[in-house]
Amino acid sequence: METTGTRDKILEGASGLFLRYGIRSVSMDNIASHLGMSKKTIYQYFRDKDEIVYSVTEAHVQGERQQFGEIANKSKNAIEELVGLSGCLRENLKGMNPSLLFDLQKYHHRAWKIWLDFKDHFIRDQIERSIEQGKEEGYFRPQVNTKVLAIMRLETIQMAFDPTLFPKEEYSLSQVQVEIFDHYIHGLFTEKGKKLYEKYKQEFPKKENTIT
């Protein structure tokens, strides 16, 4: 039990640092200092920083799968699921350093592969299913090309992390995602869908404030 507890503590501490400062700028010394333990202790559980990044990414993806699945199962319709998933994304973006995905892609290829697989398969499938459900319910325009819109949504989420497009000195990651999301949903809605969305905004203002 102690072994598992220490390993989880390292992953939790490292994850918090990566989210706040990005991956590249966090060293093994930083992680050890943050946790109040020696680097020797950390090396008993992880070969190097790359292995920590891999394990943190793996745990994050597993948590996201569970969270997204719960939202989908609890939602009464595609609009409610849209609001729930977007709130989940916004919550996960709080305090996140925009360089995180860039660091992952450039310096930690194994972990990046986990993220790409999650994005290009699980999340894409979720978006496509949600769009098709919304069409059947009459909330999304029937002429929308589901696959094209799903790809667009995925790429625009990732695009917001690109520091060459949105330098963190000029743009808030959360605000960029809000603008992108607003553009996306209004391209999907029928009049019926828009009215239901506005109803959710009035009934659940706290949820609206968490939309990404």
N, C-alpha and C. Protein backbone atom coordinates (compact mmCIF):
# COMPACT_ATOMS: atom_id res chain seq x y z
N MET A 1 0.83 -1.21 0.00
CA MET A 1 0.00 0.00 0.00
C MET A 1 0.86 1.26 0.00
N GLU A 2 1.94 1.24 0.75
CA GLU A 2 2.82 2.41 0.83
C GLU A 2 3.45 2.71 -0.53
N THR A 3 3.85 1.61 -1.23
CA THR A 3 4.46 1.79 -2.55
C THR A 3 3.49 2.48 -3.49
N THR A 4 2.25 2.00 -3.52
CA THR A 4 1.23 2.60 -4.38
C THR A 4 0.98 4.05 -3.97
N GLY A 5 0.91 4.31 -2.66
CA GLY A 5 0.64 5.65 -2.18
C GLY A 5 1.74 6.63 -2.56
N THR A 6 2.98 6.22 -2.44
CA THR A 6 4.09 7.10 -2.79
C THR A 6 4.11 7.38 -4.29
N ARG A 7 3.89 6.35 -5.08
CA ARG A 7 3.88 6.52 -6.54
C ARG A 7 2.77 7.49 -6.95
N ASP A 8 1.59 7.30 -6.38
CA ASP A 8 0.47 8.19 -6.71
C ASP A 8 0.74 9.62 -6.27
N LYS A 9 1.41 9.77 -5.13
CA LYS A 9 1.75 11.10 -4.63
C LYS A 9 2.70 11.81 -5.60
N ILE A 10 3.66 11.07 -6.12
CA ILE A 10 4.60 11.64 -7.08
C ILE A 10 3.87 12.08 -8.35
N LEU A 11 2.99 11.22 -8.84
CA LEU A 11 2.25 11.55 -10.06
C LEU A 11 1.34 12.76 -9.85
N GLU A 12 0.68 12.81 -8.72
CA GLU A 12 -0.21 13.93 -8.43
C GLU A 12 0.57 15.24 -8.32
N GLY A 13 1.70 15.19 -7.63
CA GLY A 13 2.51 16.39 -7.48
C GLY A 13 3.10 16.86 -8.80
N ALA A 14 3.61 15.92 -9.58
CA ALA A 14 4.19 16.26 -10.88
C ALA A 14 3.13 16.81 -11.82
N SER A 15 1.94 16.21 -11.80
CA SER A 15 0.85 16.66 -12.66
C SER A 15 0.48 18.12 -12.37
N GLY A 16 0.40 18.46 -11.09
CA GLY A 16 0.09 19.83 -10.71
C GLY A 16 1.12 20.82 -11.21
N LEU A 17 2.39 20.44 -11.13
CA LEU A 17 3.46 21.32 -11.61
C LEU A 17 3.43 21.45 -13.13
N PHE A 18 3.20 20.35 -13.82
CA PHE A 18 3.15 20.39 -15.29
C PHE A 18 2.00 21.29 -15.76
N LEU A 19 0.86 21.16 -15.12
CA LEU A 19 -0.31 21.96 -15.52
C LEU A 19 -0.05 23.45 -15.31
N ARG A 20 0.63 23.76 -14.23
CA ARG A 20 0.84 25.18 -13.89
C ARG A 20 1.98 25.82 -14.68
N TYR A 21 3.07 25.07 -14.85
CA TYR A 21 4.27 25.67 -15.43
C TYR A 21 4.63 25.14 -16.82
N GLY A 22 3.90 24.13 -17.30
CA GLY A 22 4.33 23.45 -18.51
C GLY A 22 5.27 22.33 -18.13
N ILE A 23 5.60 21.48 -19.10
CA ILE A 23 6.41 20.30 -18.80
C ILE A 23 7.90 20.60 -18.86
N ARG A 24 8.31 21.30 -19.88
CA ARG A 24 9.74 21.52 -20.10
C ARG A 24 10.39 22.26 -18.93
N SER A 25 9.69 23.20 -18.34
CA SER A 25 10.29 24.04 -17.30
C SER A 25 10.33 23.37 -15.93
N VAL A 26 9.72 22.19 -15.80
CA VAL A 26 9.71 21.48 -14.52
C VAL A 26 10.78 20.39 -14.53
N SER A 27 11.69 20.46 -13.60
CA SER A 27 12.78 19.48 -13.51
C SER A 27 12.48 18.44 -12.43
N MET A 28 13.29 17.40 -12.39
CA MET A 28 13.17 16.41 -11.33
C MET A 28 13.43 17.04 -9.97
N ASP A 29 14.36 18.00 -9.94
CA ASP A 29 14.63 18.73 -8.69
C ASP A 29 13.38 19.49 -8.23
N ASN A 30 12.66 20.11 -9.18
CA ASN A 30 11.44 20.83 -8.84
C ASN A 30 10.39 19.89 -8.25
N ILE A 31 10.25 18.73 -8.87
CA ILE A 31 9.26 17.76 -8.39
C ILE A 31 9.62 17.28 -6.98
N ALA A 32 10.89 16.98 -6.77
CA ALA A 32 11.33 16.51 -5.45
C ALA A 32 11.12 17.58 -4.39
N SER A 33 11.47 18.81 -4.72
CA SER A 33 11.31 19.92 -3.77
C SER A 33 9.84 20.15 -3.45
N HIS A 34 9.00 20.10 -4.49
CA HIS A 34 7.56 20.31 -4.31
C HIS A 34 6.95 19.25 -3.39
N LEU A 35 7.43 18.03 -3.52
CA LEU A 35 6.88 16.91 -2.74
C LEU A 35 7.56 16.74 -1.39
N GLY A 36 8.68 17.44 -1.20
CA GLY A 36 9.41 17.29 0.04
C GLY A 36 10.05 15.93 0.19
N MET A 37 10.53 15.38 -0.94
CA MET A 37 11.21 14.09 -0.89
C MET A 37 12.48 14.16 -1.74
N SER A 38 13.33 13.20 -1.60
CA SER A 38 14.58 13.20 -2.35
C SER A 38 14.35 12.69 -3.78
N LYS A 39 15.26 13.10 -4.67
CA LYS A 39 15.19 12.57 -6.04
C LYS A 39 15.43 11.06 -6.04
N LYS A 40 16.24 10.60 -5.09
CA LYS A 40 16.51 9.17 -4.99
C LYS A 40 15.21 8.38 -4.78
N THR A 41 14.33 8.93 -3.96
CA THR A 41 13.03 8.28 -3.72
C THR A 41 12.21 8.23 -5.01
N ILE A 42 12.19 9.34 -5.74
CA ILE A 42 11.43 9.39 -6.99
C ILE A 42 11.97 8.37 -7.99
N TYR A 43 13.30 8.25 -8.06
CA TYR A 43 13.91 7.31 -9.00
C TYR A 43 13.67 5.85 -8.64
N GLN A 44 13.18 5.62 -7.44
CA GLN A 44 12.81 4.25 -7.07
C GLN A 44 11.52 3.82 -7.78
N TYR A 45 10.75 4.81 -8.19
CA TYR A 45 9.46 4.52 -8.82
C TYR A 45 9.42 4.85 -10.31
N PHE A 46 10.26 5.79 -10.72
CA PHE A 46 10.27 6.21 -12.13
C PHE A 46 11.70 6.33 -12.64
N ARG A 47 11.91 5.80 -13.83
CA ARG A 47 13.25 5.79 -14.41
C ARG A 47 13.77 7.21 -14.67
N ASP A 48 12.88 8.08 -15.17
CA ASP A 48 13.28 9.45 -15.49
C ASP A 48 12.02 10.32 -15.63
N LYS A 49 12.22 11.56 -15.97
CA LYS A 49 11.10 12.49 -16.12
C LYS A 49 10.14 12.06 -17.23
N ASP A 50 10.69 11.53 -18.30
CA ASP A 50 9.85 11.09 -19.41
C ASP A 50 8.85 10.02 -18.97
N GLU A 51 9.28 9.14 -18.09
CA GLU A 51 8.38 8.11 -17.59
C GLU A 51 7.29 8.72 -16.70
N ILE A 52 7.65 9.74 -15.94
CA ILE A 52 6.64 10.43 -15.13
C ILE A 52 5.61 11.09 -16.03
N VAL A 53 6.08 11.78 -17.08
CA VAL A 53 5.17 12.45 -18.02
C VAL A 53 4.24 11.43 -18.66
N TYR A 54 4.79 10.30 -19.06
CA TYR A 54 3.99 9.24 -19.67
C TYR A 54 2.90 8.76 -18.72
N SER A 55 3.28 8.50 -17.47
CA SER A 55 2.33 7.99 -16.48
C SER A 55 1.26 9.02 -16.12
N VAL A 56 1.67 10.29 -16.02
CA VAL A 56 0.71 11.37 -15.75
C VAL A 56 -0.29 11.48 -16.89
N THR A 57 0.19 11.42 -18.13
CA THR A 57 -0.69 11.50 -19.29
C THR A 57 -1.65 10.33 -19.34
N GLU A 58 -1.14 9.15 -19.07
CA GLU A 58 -1.97 7.94 -19.07
C GLU A 58 -3.08 8.04 -18.04
N ALA A 59 -2.74 8.50 -16.83
CA ALA A 59 -3.74 8.63 -15.77
C ALA A 59 -4.77 9.70 -16.13
N HIS A 60 -4.31 10.79 -16.72
CA HIS A 60 -5.21 11.88 -17.11
C HIS A 60 -6.21 11.40 -18.15
N VAL A 61 -5.74 10.67 -19.13
CA VAL A 61 -6.61 10.16 -20.19
C VAL A 61 -7.65 9.19 -19.63
N GLN A 62 -7.23 8.32 -18.73
CA GLN A 62 -8.16 7.38 -18.11
C GLN A 62 -9.26 8.11 -17.35
N GLY A 63 -8.85 9.17 -16.63
CA GLY A 63 -9.84 9.96 -15.89
C GLY A 63 -10.81 10.67 -16.81
N GLU A 64 -10.30 11.18 -17.93
CA GLU A 64 -11.15 11.87 -18.90
C GLU A 64 -12.16 10.90 -19.53
N ARG A 65 -11.71 9.71 -19.85
CA ARG A 65 -12.62 8.71 -20.43
C ARG A 65 -13.80 8.45 -19.48
N GLN A 66 -13.49 8.27 -18.22
CA GLN A 66 -14.53 8.00 -17.24
C GLN A 66 -15.46 9.20 -17.09
N GLN A 67 -14.88 10.40 -17.02
CA GLN A 67 -15.66 11.61 -16.83
C GLN A 67 -16.59 11.86 -18.01
N PHE A 68 -16.07 11.74 -19.21
CA PHE A 68 -16.87 11.97 -20.42
C PHE A 68 -18.00 10.94 -20.52
N GLY A 69 -17.68 9.69 -20.17
CA GLY A 69 -18.69 8.64 -20.21
C GLY A 69 -19.83 8.89 -19.24
N GLU A 70 -19.50 9.36 -18.04
CA GLU A 70 -20.53 9.66 -17.04
C GLU A 70 -21.43 10.79 -17.50
N ILE A 71 -20.84 11.82 -18.10
CA ILE A 71 -21.63 12.95 -18.60
C ILE A 71 -22.59 12.49 -19.68
N ALA A 72 -22.09 11.69 -20.61
CA ALA A 72 -22.93 11.20 -21.71
C ALA A 72 -24.10 10.35 -21.18
N ASN A 73 -23.83 9.51 -20.19
CA ASN A 73 -24.86 8.63 -19.65
C ASN A 73 -25.94 9.39 -18.89
N LYS A 74 -25.54 10.50 -18.26
CA LYS A 74 -26.49 11.27 -17.44
C LYS A 74 -27.30 12.29 -18.25
N SER A 75 -26.83 12.62 -19.44
CA SER A 75 -27.47 13.70 -20.21
C SER A 75 -28.77 13.23 -20.86
N LYS A 76 -29.78 14.09 -20.79
CA LYS A 76 -31.09 13.77 -21.36
C LYS A 76 -31.12 13.95 -22.87
N ASN A 77 -30.25 14.79 -23.39
CA ASN A 77 -30.23 15.06 -24.83
C ASN A 77 -28.86 15.59 -25.23
N ALA A 78 -28.68 15.82 -26.52
CA ALA A 78 -27.37 16.25 -27.03
C ALA A 78 -26.97 17.62 -26.52
N ILE A 79 -27.94 18.50 -26.30
CA ILE A 79 -27.62 19.85 -25.82
C ILE A 79 -27.09 19.79 -24.39
N GLU A 80 -27.74 19.00 -23.56
CA GLU A 80 -27.28 18.87 -22.17
C GLU A 80 -25.89 18.24 -22.13
N GLU A 81 -25.65 17.26 -22.99
CA GLU A 81 -24.33 16.63 -23.04
C GLU A 81 -23.29 17.64 -23.50
N LEU A 82 -23.65 18.46 -24.48
CA LEU A 82 -22.74 19.48 -24.99
C LEU A 82 -22.31 20.44 -23.89
N VAL A 83 -23.29 20.89 -23.10
CA VAL A 83 -23.01 21.79 -21.99
C VAL A 83 -22.14 21.10 -20.94
N GLY A 84 -22.46 19.84 -20.64
CA GLY A 84 -21.71 19.10 -19.63
C GLY A 84 -20.28 18.84 -20.04
N LEU A 85 -20.07 18.40 -21.27
CA LEU A 85 -18.72 18.13 -21.76
C LEU A 85 -17.89 19.40 -21.83
N SER A 86 -18.53 20.47 -22.24
CA SER A 86 -17.80 21.73 -22.36
C SER A 86 -17.42 22.27 -20.99
N GLY A 87 -18.31 22.10 -20.01
CA GLY A 87 -17.99 22.50 -18.64
C GLY A 87 -16.83 21.69 -18.09
N CYS A 88 -16.80 20.41 -18.44
CA CYS A 88 -15.71 19.53 -18.02
C CYS A 88 -14.39 20.00 -18.61
N LEU A 89 -14.41 20.33 -19.90
CA LEU A 89 -13.19 20.81 -20.55
C LEU A 89 -12.71 22.12 -19.93
N ARG A 90 -13.66 23.02 -19.66
CA ARG A 90 -13.28 24.31 -19.07
C ARG A 90 -12.66 24.12 -17.69
N GLU A 91 -13.23 23.22 -16.91
CA GLU A 91 -12.71 22.96 -15.57
C GLU A 91 -11.28 22.43 -15.65
N ASN A 92 -11.05 21.56 -16.63
CA ASN A 92 -9.71 20.98 -16.79
C ASN A 92 -8.69 22.00 -17.29
N LEU A 93 -9.18 23.08 -17.91
CA LEU A 93 -8.28 24.10 -18.44
C LEU A 93 -7.88 25.14 -17.39
N LYS A 94 -8.58 25.14 -16.26
CA LYS A 94 -8.29 26.15 -15.24
C LYS A 94 -6.84 26.07 -14.79
N GLY A 95 -6.14 27.17 -14.92
CA GLY A 95 -4.77 27.23 -14.47
C GLY A 95 -3.78 26.46 -15.32
N MET A 96 -4.24 25.92 -16.46
CA MET A 96 -3.35 25.13 -17.30
C MET A 96 -2.42 26.03 -18.10
N ASN A 97 -1.15 25.70 -18.11
CA ASN A 97 -0.18 26.44 -18.91
C ASN A 97 -0.38 26.09 -20.38
N PRO A 98 -0.57 27.08 -21.26
CA PRO A 98 -0.83 26.81 -22.67
C PRO A 98 0.28 26.03 -23.37
N SER A 99 1.49 26.05 -22.81
CA SER A 99 2.61 25.36 -23.46
C SER A 99 2.60 23.86 -23.23
N LEU A 100 1.66 23.37 -22.42
CA LEU A 100 1.70 21.98 -22.01
C LEU A 100 1.64 21.02 -23.20
N LEU A 101 0.70 21.20 -24.10
CA LEU A 101 0.59 20.30 -25.25
C LEU A 101 1.78 20.43 -26.18
N PHE A 102 2.28 21.65 -26.35
CA PHE A 102 3.46 21.86 -27.19
C PHE A 102 4.66 21.11 -26.61
N ASP A 103 4.84 21.20 -25.30
CA ASP A 103 5.94 20.49 -24.63
C ASP A 103 5.79 18.98 -24.80
N LEU A 104 4.56 18.52 -24.66
CA LEU A 104 4.28 17.09 -24.79
C LEU A 104 4.64 16.60 -26.20
N GLN A 105 4.22 17.35 -27.19
CA GLN A 105 4.46 16.97 -28.58
C GLN A 105 5.95 16.99 -28.94
N LYS A 106 6.66 17.99 -28.46
CA LYS A 106 8.05 18.17 -28.87
C LYS A 106 9.04 17.31 -28.10
N TYR A 107 8.77 17.08 -26.82
CA TYR A 107 9.79 16.46 -25.97
C TYR A 107 9.42 15.08 -25.41
N HIS A 108 8.15 14.69 -25.50
CA HIS A 108 7.73 13.43 -24.87
C HIS A 108 6.83 12.66 -25.83
N HIS A 109 7.45 11.99 -26.78
CA HIS A 109 6.72 11.38 -27.89
C HIS A 109 5.80 10.23 -27.48
N ARG A 110 6.23 9.44 -26.51
CA ARG A 110 5.36 8.33 -26.07
C ARG A 110 4.08 8.87 -25.43
N ALA A 111 4.21 9.87 -24.61
CA ALA A 111 3.04 10.47 -23.97
C ALA A 111 2.16 11.18 -25.01
N TRP A 112 2.79 11.83 -25.96
CA TRP A 112 2.05 12.51 -27.02
C TRP A 112 1.20 11.52 -27.81
N LYS A 113 1.74 10.33 -28.03
CA LYS A 113 1.00 9.30 -28.76
C LYS A 113 -0.27 8.90 -28.00
N ILE A 114 -0.17 8.84 -26.66
CA ILE A 114 -1.37 8.54 -25.85
C ILE A 114 -2.43 9.61 -26.06
N TRP A 115 -2.01 10.87 -26.00
CA TRP A 115 -2.95 11.98 -26.18
C TRP A 115 -3.57 11.95 -27.57
N LEU A 116 -2.76 11.71 -28.61
CA LEU A 116 -3.29 11.68 -29.97
C LEU A 116 -4.31 10.56 -30.14
N ASP A 117 -4.00 9.40 -29.58
CA ASP A 117 -4.92 8.27 -29.69
C ASP A 117 -6.24 8.59 -28.98
N PHE A 118 -6.15 9.20 -27.83
CA PHE A 118 -7.34 9.61 -27.08
C PHE A 118 -8.16 10.63 -27.87
N LYS A 119 -7.47 11.62 -28.42
CA LYS A 119 -8.15 12.67 -29.16
C LYS A 119 -8.76 12.15 -30.45
N ASP A 120 -7.97 11.42 -31.23
CA ASP A 120 -8.39 11.02 -32.58
C ASP A 120 -9.34 9.84 -32.60
N HIS A 121 -9.48 9.16 -31.48
CA HIS A 121 -10.40 8.02 -31.45
C HIS A 121 -11.53 8.24 -30.43
N PHE A 122 -11.19 8.24 -29.16
CA PHE A 122 -12.25 8.33 -28.15
C PHE A 122 -13.03 9.64 -28.24
N ILE A 123 -12.32 10.78 -28.18
CA ILE A 123 -13.03 12.06 -28.20
C ILE A 123 -13.76 12.27 -29.53
N ARG A 124 -13.10 11.91 -30.61
CA ARG A 124 -13.75 12.07 -31.92
C ARG A 124 -15.01 11.23 -32.01
N ASP A 125 -14.96 9.99 -31.53
CA ASP A 125 -16.16 9.15 -31.53
C ASP A 125 -17.27 9.77 -30.69
N GLN A 126 -16.91 10.34 -29.55
CA GLN A 126 -17.89 10.98 -28.68
C GLN A 126 -18.56 12.17 -29.39
N ILE A 127 -17.75 12.98 -30.05
CA ILE A 127 -18.29 14.15 -30.75
C ILE A 127 -19.20 13.72 -31.89
N GLU A 128 -18.76 12.74 -32.68
CA GLU A 128 -19.57 12.28 -33.81
C GLU A 128 -20.90 11.70 -33.33
N ARG A 129 -20.85 10.89 -32.26
CA ARG A 129 -22.09 10.32 -31.74
C ARG A 129 -23.02 11.42 -31.24
N SER A 130 -22.47 12.43 -30.56
CA SER A 130 -23.27 13.52 -30.04
C SER A 130 -23.93 14.33 -31.16
N ILE A 131 -23.17 14.58 -32.21
CA ILE A 131 -23.73 15.34 -33.34
C ILE A 131 -24.86 14.56 -33.99
N GLU A 132 -24.66 13.27 -34.20
CA GLU A 132 -25.71 12.44 -34.81
C GLU A 132 -26.95 12.40 -33.92
N GLN A 133 -26.73 12.31 -32.62
CA GLN A 133 -27.87 12.32 -31.69
C GLN A 133 -28.61 13.64 -31.78
N GLY A 134 -27.87 14.75 -31.83
CA GLY A 134 -28.49 16.06 -31.94
C GLY A 134 -29.29 16.23 -33.21
N LYS A 135 -28.80 15.64 -34.30
CA LYS A 135 -29.55 15.68 -35.55
C LYS A 135 -30.88 14.94 -35.42
N GLU A 136 -30.82 13.74 -34.84
CA GLU A 136 -32.02 12.93 -34.66
C GLU A 136 -33.04 13.63 -33.77
N GLU A 137 -32.55 14.36 -32.78
CA GLU A 137 -33.44 15.07 -31.85
C GLU A 137 -33.95 16.39 -32.43
N GLY A 138 -33.38 16.80 -33.55
CA GLY A 138 -33.82 18.04 -34.18
C GLY A 138 -33.14 19.29 -33.64
N TYR A 139 -32.09 19.10 -32.85
CA TYR A 139 -31.39 20.25 -32.26
C TYR A 139 -30.22 20.74 -33.12
N PHE A 140 -29.68 19.84 -33.95
CA PHE A 140 -28.57 20.20 -34.84
C PHE A 140 -29.02 20.11 -36.30
N ARG A 141 -28.47 20.94 -37.13
CA ARG A 141 -28.86 20.99 -38.53
C ARG A 141 -28.56 19.65 -39.22
N PRO A 142 -29.55 19.09 -39.93
CA PRO A 142 -29.37 17.77 -40.55
C PRO A 142 -28.32 17.76 -41.67
N GLN A 143 -28.08 18.90 -42.29
CA GLN A 143 -27.12 18.95 -43.40
C GLN A 143 -25.67 19.04 -42.96
N VAL A 144 -25.45 19.16 -41.65
CA VAL A 144 -24.08 19.24 -41.13
C VAL A 144 -23.34 17.93 -41.41
N ASN A 145 -22.11 18.06 -41.90
CA ASN A 145 -21.28 16.88 -42.13
C ASN A 145 -20.62 16.51 -40.80
N THR A 146 -21.09 15.43 -40.21
CA THR A 146 -20.67 15.04 -38.87
C THR A 146 -19.15 14.86 -38.74
N LYS A 147 -18.57 14.14 -39.67
CA LYS A 147 -17.14 13.85 -39.59
C LYS A 147 -16.31 15.12 -39.73
N VAL A 148 -16.69 15.99 -40.65
CA VAL A 148 -15.96 17.24 -40.84
C VAL A 148 -16.03 18.11 -39.59
N LEU A 149 -17.24 18.23 -39.03
CA LEU A 149 -17.40 19.07 -37.83
C LEU A 149 -16.66 18.49 -36.62
N ALA A 150 -16.64 17.18 -36.51
CA ALA A 150 -15.92 16.54 -35.40
C ALA A 150 -14.43 16.81 -35.50
N ILE A 151 -13.88 16.68 -36.71
CA ILE A 151 -12.45 16.96 -36.90
C ILE A 151 -12.16 18.43 -36.61
N MET A 152 -13.02 19.31 -37.11
CA MET A 152 -12.83 20.74 -36.89
C MET A 152 -12.82 21.06 -35.40
N ARG A 153 -13.75 20.47 -34.67
CA ARG A 153 -13.84 20.72 -33.23
C ARG A 153 -12.56 20.27 -32.53
N LEU A 154 -12.09 19.08 -32.85
CA LEU A 154 -10.88 18.56 -32.22
C LEU A 154 -9.68 19.45 -32.51
N GLU A 155 -9.52 19.84 -33.75
CA GLU A 155 -8.34 20.61 -34.13
C GLU A 155 -8.37 22.02 -33.56
N THR A 156 -9.55 22.60 -33.44
CA THR A 156 -9.63 23.95 -32.88
C THR A 156 -9.37 23.95 -31.38
N ILE A 157 -9.76 22.87 -30.69
CA ILE A 157 -9.42 22.75 -29.26
C ILE A 157 -7.90 22.75 -29.10
N GLN A 158 -7.23 21.93 -29.92
CA GLN A 158 -5.77 21.84 -29.83
C GLN A 158 -5.11 23.12 -30.31
N MET A 159 -5.70 23.76 -31.32
CA MET A 159 -5.14 24.97 -31.89
C MET A 159 -4.99 26.08 -30.85
N ALA A 160 -5.90 26.11 -29.90
CA ALA A 160 -5.87 27.15 -28.88
C ALA A 160 -4.62 27.10 -28.01
N PHE A 161 -3.95 25.94 -28.01
CA PHE A 161 -2.74 25.79 -27.21
C PHE A 161 -1.49 26.25 -27.95
N ASP A 162 -1.63 26.57 -29.22
CA ASP A 162 -0.46 26.92 -30.04
C ASP A 162 0.04 28.31 -29.67
N PRO A 163 1.23 28.42 -29.06
CA PRO A 163 1.72 29.73 -28.62
C PRO A 163 2.08 30.66 -29.78
N THR A 164 2.28 30.10 -30.97
CA THR A 164 2.57 30.97 -32.11
C THR A 164 1.31 31.67 -32.62
N LEU A 165 0.16 31.07 -32.36
CA LEU A 165 -1.12 31.67 -32.76
C LEU A 165 -1.70 32.54 -31.65
N PHE A 166 -1.62 32.03 -30.41
CA PHE A 166 -2.20 32.72 -29.27
C PHE A 166 -1.17 32.84 -28.14
N PRO A 167 -0.25 33.79 -28.25
CA PRO A 167 0.76 33.97 -27.19
C PRO A 167 0.10 34.20 -25.84
N LYS A 168 0.60 33.52 -24.81
CA LYS A 168 -0.04 33.60 -23.50
C LYS A 168 0.03 35.00 -22.91
N GLU A 169 0.96 35.84 -23.42
CA GLU A 169 1.04 37.21 -22.94
C GLU A 169 -0.13 38.06 -23.44
N GLU A 170 -0.77 37.60 -24.52
CA GLU A 170 -1.86 38.36 -25.13
C GLU A 170 -3.22 37.72 -24.96
N TYR A 171 -3.25 36.39 -24.82
CA TYR A 171 -4.53 35.68 -24.82
C TYR A 171 -4.66 34.78 -23.60
N SER A 172 -5.88 34.71 -23.09
CA SER A 172 -6.21 33.75 -22.04
C SER A 172 -6.65 32.46 -22.72
N LEU A 173 -6.07 31.33 -22.32
CA LEU A 173 -6.44 30.05 -22.91
C LEU A 173 -7.93 29.79 -22.78
N SER A 174 -8.48 30.07 -21.61
CA SER A 174 -9.90 29.84 -21.38
C SER A 174 -10.76 30.70 -22.31
N GLN A 175 -10.38 31.96 -22.47
CA GLN A 175 -11.18 32.85 -23.31
C GLN A 175 -11.11 32.46 -24.78
N VAL A 176 -9.95 32.03 -25.23
CA VAL A 176 -9.83 31.55 -26.60
C VAL A 176 -10.74 30.35 -26.82
N GLN A 177 -10.76 29.43 -25.86
CA GLN A 177 -11.62 28.26 -25.98
C GLN A 177 -13.10 28.64 -25.97
N VAL A 178 -13.46 29.65 -25.18
CA VAL A 178 -14.85 30.12 -25.15
C VAL A 178 -15.27 30.63 -26.52
N GLU A 179 -14.41 31.43 -27.14
CA GLU A 179 -14.73 31.98 -28.47
C GLU A 179 -14.87 30.87 -29.51
N ILE A 180 -13.96 29.91 -29.45
CA ILE A 180 -14.00 28.80 -30.42
C ILE A 180 -15.25 27.96 -30.22
N PHE A 181 -15.57 27.69 -28.96
CA PHE A 181 -16.76 26.90 -28.67
C PHE A 181 -18.03 27.60 -29.13
N ASP A 182 -18.11 28.90 -28.88
CA ASP A 182 -19.29 29.67 -29.27
C ASP A 182 -19.51 29.60 -30.78
N HIS A 183 -18.43 29.73 -31.51
CA HIS A 183 -18.51 29.63 -32.97
C HIS A 183 -18.97 28.24 -33.41
N TYR A 184 -18.44 27.22 -32.76
CA TYR A 184 -18.77 25.84 -33.10
C TYR A 184 -20.25 25.52 -32.87
N ILE A 185 -20.75 25.83 -31.69
CA ILE A 185 -22.12 25.42 -31.38
C ILE A 185 -23.16 26.16 -32.23
N HIS A 186 -22.91 27.42 -32.53
CA HIS A 186 -23.89 28.16 -33.31
C HIS A 186 -23.89 27.74 -34.78
N GLY A 187 -22.84 27.03 -35.19
CA GLY A 187 -22.85 26.44 -36.52
C GLY A 187 -23.63 25.14 -36.56
N LEU A 188 -23.90 24.57 -35.40
CA LEU A 188 -24.64 23.30 -35.32
C LEU A 188 -26.15 23.49 -35.14
N PHE A 189 -26.55 24.50 -34.40
CA PHE A 189 -27.93 24.62 -33.94
C PHE A 189 -28.96 24.81 -35.05
N THR A 190 -30.10 24.13 -34.87
CA THR A 190 -31.33 24.53 -35.53
C THR A 190 -31.96 25.59 -34.62
N GLU A 191 -33.04 26.17 -35.04
CA GLU A 191 -33.73 27.14 -34.17
C GLU A 191 -34.19 26.47 -32.88
N LYS A 192 -34.65 25.24 -33.02
CA LYS A 192 -35.09 24.47 -31.85
C LYS A 192 -33.92 24.24 -30.89
N GLY A 193 -32.75 23.91 -31.44
CA GLY A 193 -31.58 23.67 -30.61
C GLY A 193 -31.12 24.94 -29.91
N LYS A 194 -31.17 26.04 -30.63
CA LYS A 194 -30.75 27.32 -30.05
C LYS A 194 -31.66 27.70 -28.89
N LYS A 195 -32.97 27.48 -29.05
CA LYS A 195 -33.91 27.82 -27.98
C LYS A 195 -33.67 26.97 -26.74
N LEU A 196 -33.39 25.68 -26.93
CA LEU A 196 -33.13 24.82 -25.79
C LEU A 196 -31.82 25.22 -25.11
N TYR A 197 -30.84 25.58 -25.90
CA TYR A 197 -29.56 26.02 -25.34
C TYR A 197 -29.76 27.28 -24.50
N GLU A 198 -30.54 28.22 -25.02
CA GLU A 198 -30.82 29.45 -24.28
C GLU A 198 -31.56 29.15 -22.98
N LYS A 199 -32.42 28.13 -23.03
CA LYS A 199 -33.14 27.71 -21.82
C LYS A 199 -32.17 27.18 -20.77
N TYR A 200 -31.20 26.37 -21.21
CA TYR A 200 -30.19 25.87 -20.29
C TYR A 200 -29.39 27.02 -19.69
N LYS A 201 -29.10 28.01 -20.49
CA LYS A 201 -28.34 29.16 -20.01
C LYS A 201 -29.09 29.89 -18.89
N GLN A 202 -30.41 29.96 -19.01
CA GLN A 202 -31.22 30.66 -18.01
C GLN A 202 -31.42 29.80 -16.76
N GLU A 203 -31.60 28.50 -16.97
CA GLU A 203 -31.88 27.61 -15.83
C GLU A 203 -30.63 27.23 -15.07
N PHE A 204 -29.49 27.15 -15.80
CA PHE A 204 -28.25 26.71 -15.18
C PHE A 204 -27.14 27.71 -15.46
N PRO A 205 -27.25 28.91 -14.89
CA PRO A 205 -26.21 29.93 -15.15
C PRO A 205 -24.82 29.50 -14.74
N LYS A 206 -24.72 28.68 -13.71
CA LYS A 206 -23.39 28.23 -13.27
C LYS A 206 -22.76 27.33 -14.32
N LYS A 207 -23.61 26.51 -14.94
CA LYS A 207 -23.10 25.66 -16.00
C LYS A 207 -22.62 26.51 -17.19
N GLU A 208 -23.40 27.52 -17.50
CA GLU A 208 -23.04 28.39 -18.63
C GLU A 208 -21.69 29.05 -18.38
N ASN A 209 -21.43 29.40 -17.12
CA ASN A 209 -20.16 30.04 -16.80
C ASN A 209 -18.97 29.11 -16.94
N THR A 210 -19.24 27.79 -17.04
CA THR A 210 -18.15 26.84 -17.16
C THR A 210 -18.01 26.30 -18.58
N ILE A 211 -18.78 26.86 -19.50
CA ILE A 211 -18.70 26.35 -20.87
C ILE A 211 -17.40 26.74 -21.52
N THR A 212 -16.84 25.79 -22.24
CA THR A 212 -15.62 26.05 -23.01
C THR A 212 -15.99 26.24 -24.47
